[in-house]
Amino acid sequence: MEQVKYGSEWAPWVRAARTMVELRGVTPADLDREFAALGRDRLEEEFARIAALMAVA
């Protein structure tokens, strides 16, 4: 582990790494399977819906 100064260009990467460590019970999506099941238009709608939800949070 290394220390990173607050405001450093590396600070966002440290926050991201720590956030990823805290995620539990998350299953990576198989996008090929999702695409086959939903089709491109529906999958893009789902991505847009999720992005909108995340913007509110």
C-alpha atoms as a PDB file:
ATOM      1  CA  MET A   1       0.000   0.000   0.000  1.00  0.00           C
ATOM      2  CA  GLU A   2       1.142   3.510  -0.737  1.00  0.00           C
ATOM      3  CA  GLN A   3      -0.068   6.841   0.530  1.00  0.00           C
ATOM      4  CA  VAL A   4      -1.650   9.243  -1.937  1.00  0.00           C
ATOM      5  CA  LYS A   5      -2.027  12.922  -1.146  1.00  0.00           C
ATOM      6  CA  TYR A   6      -5.525  14.393  -1.117  1.00  0.00           C
ATOM      7  CA  GLY A   7      -6.154  16.119  -4.442  1.00  0.00           C
ATOM      8  CA  SER A   8      -3.525  14.032  -6.219  1.00  0.00           C
ATOM      9  CA  GLU A   9      -4.267  12.813  -9.735  1.00  0.00           C
ATOM     10  CA  TRP A  10      -4.255   9.318  -8.212  1.00  0.00           C
ATOM     11  CA  ALA A  11      -6.853  10.092  -5.521  1.00  0.00           C
ATOM     12  CA  PRO A  12      -9.881   9.134  -7.685  1.00  0.00           C
ATOM     13  CA  TRP A  13      -8.251   5.750  -8.408  1.00  0.00           C
ATOM     14  CA  VAL A  14      -7.749   5.110  -4.705  1.00  0.00           C
ATOM     15  CA  ARG A  15     -11.406   5.944  -4.007  1.00  0.00           C
ATOM     16  CA  ALA A  16     -12.516   3.696  -6.859  1.00  0.00           C
ATOM     17  CA  ALA A  17     -10.382   0.807  -5.611  1.00  0.00           C
ATOM     18  CA  ARG A  18     -11.752   1.162  -2.093  1.00  0.00           C
ATOM     19  CA  THR A  19     -15.294   1.353  -3.411  1.00  0.00           C
ATOM     20  CA  MET A  20     -14.803  -1.825  -5.431  1.00  0.00           C
ATOM     21  CA  VAL A  21     -13.546  -3.649  -2.351  1.00  0.00           C
ATOM     22  CA  GLU A  22     -16.748  -2.726  -0.526  1.00  0.00           C
ATOM     23  CA  LEU A  23     -19.114  -4.137  -3.168  1.00  0.00           C
ATOM     24  CA  ARG A  24     -20.607  -7.406  -2.001  1.00  0.00           C
ATOM     25  CA  GLY A  25     -23.158  -9.706  -3.518  1.00  0.00           C
ATOM     26  CA  VAL A  26     -22.667  -8.214  -6.977  1.00  0.00           C
ATOM     27  CA  THR A  27     -22.709 -10.525  -9.960  1.00  0.00           C
ATOM     28  CA  PRO A  28     -20.926  -9.410 -13.126  1.00  0.00           C
ATOM     29  CA  ALA A  29     -23.282  -9.326 -16.088  1.00  0.00           C
ATOM     30  CA  ASP A  30     -22.729 -11.537 -19.099  1.00  0.00           C
ATOM     31  CA  LEU A  31     -23.445  -8.879 -21.734  1.00  0.00           C
ATOM     32  CA  ASP A  32     -23.456 -11.391 -24.588  1.00  0.00           C
ATOM     33  CA  ARG A  33     -26.229 -13.348 -22.845  1.00  0.00           C
ATOM     34  CA  GLU A  34     -28.148 -10.161 -22.003  1.00  0.00           C
ATOM     35  CA  PHE A  35     -27.845  -8.957 -25.578  1.00  0.00           C
ATOM     36  CA  ALA A  36     -29.123 -12.297 -26.897  1.00  0.00           C
ATOM     37  CA  ALA A  37     -32.077 -12.229 -24.480  1.00  0.00           C
ATOM     38  CA  LEU A  38     -33.086  -8.571 -24.839  1.00  0.00           C
ATOM     39  CA  GLY A  39     -31.736  -7.396 -28.177  1.00  0.00           C
ATOM     40  CA  ARG A  40     -29.758  -4.209 -28.760  1.00  0.00           C
ATOM     41  CA  ASP A  41     -32.610  -1.679 -28.393  1.00  0.00           C
ATOM     42  CA  ARG A  42     -33.939  -3.107 -25.136  1.00  0.00           C
ATOM     43  CA  LEU A  43     -30.451  -3.497 -23.674  1.00  0.00           C
ATOM     44  CA  GLU A  44     -29.614   0.132 -24.508  1.00  0.00           C
ATOM     45  CA  GLU A  45     -32.889   1.210 -22.857  1.00  0.00           C
ATOM     46  CA  GLU A  46     -31.883  -0.701 -19.716  1.00  0.00           C
ATOM     47  CA  PHE A  47     -28.439   0.926 -19.678  1.00  0.00           C
ATOM     48  CA  ALA A  48     -30.068   4.354 -20.023  1.00  0.00           C
ATOM     49  CA  ARG A  49     -32.531   3.566 -17.220  1.00  0.00           C
ATOM     50  CA  ILE A  50     -29.763   2.432 -14.888  1.00  0.00           C
ATOM     51  CA  ALA A  51     -27.605   5.453 -15.756  1.00  0.00           C
ATOM     52  CA  ALA A  52     -30.538   7.719 -14.899  1.00  0.00           C
ATOM     53  CA  LEU A  53     -31.002   5.937 -11.560  1.00  0.00           C
ATOM     54  CA  MET A  54     -27.319   6.301 -10.749  1.00  0.00           C
ATOM     55  CA  ALA A  55     -27.363  10.016 -11.576  1.00  0.00           C
ATOM     56  CA  VAL A  56     -30.084  10.553  -8.959  1.00  0.00           C
ATOM     57  CA  ALA A  57     -28.272   8.582  -6.253  1.00  0.00           C
END
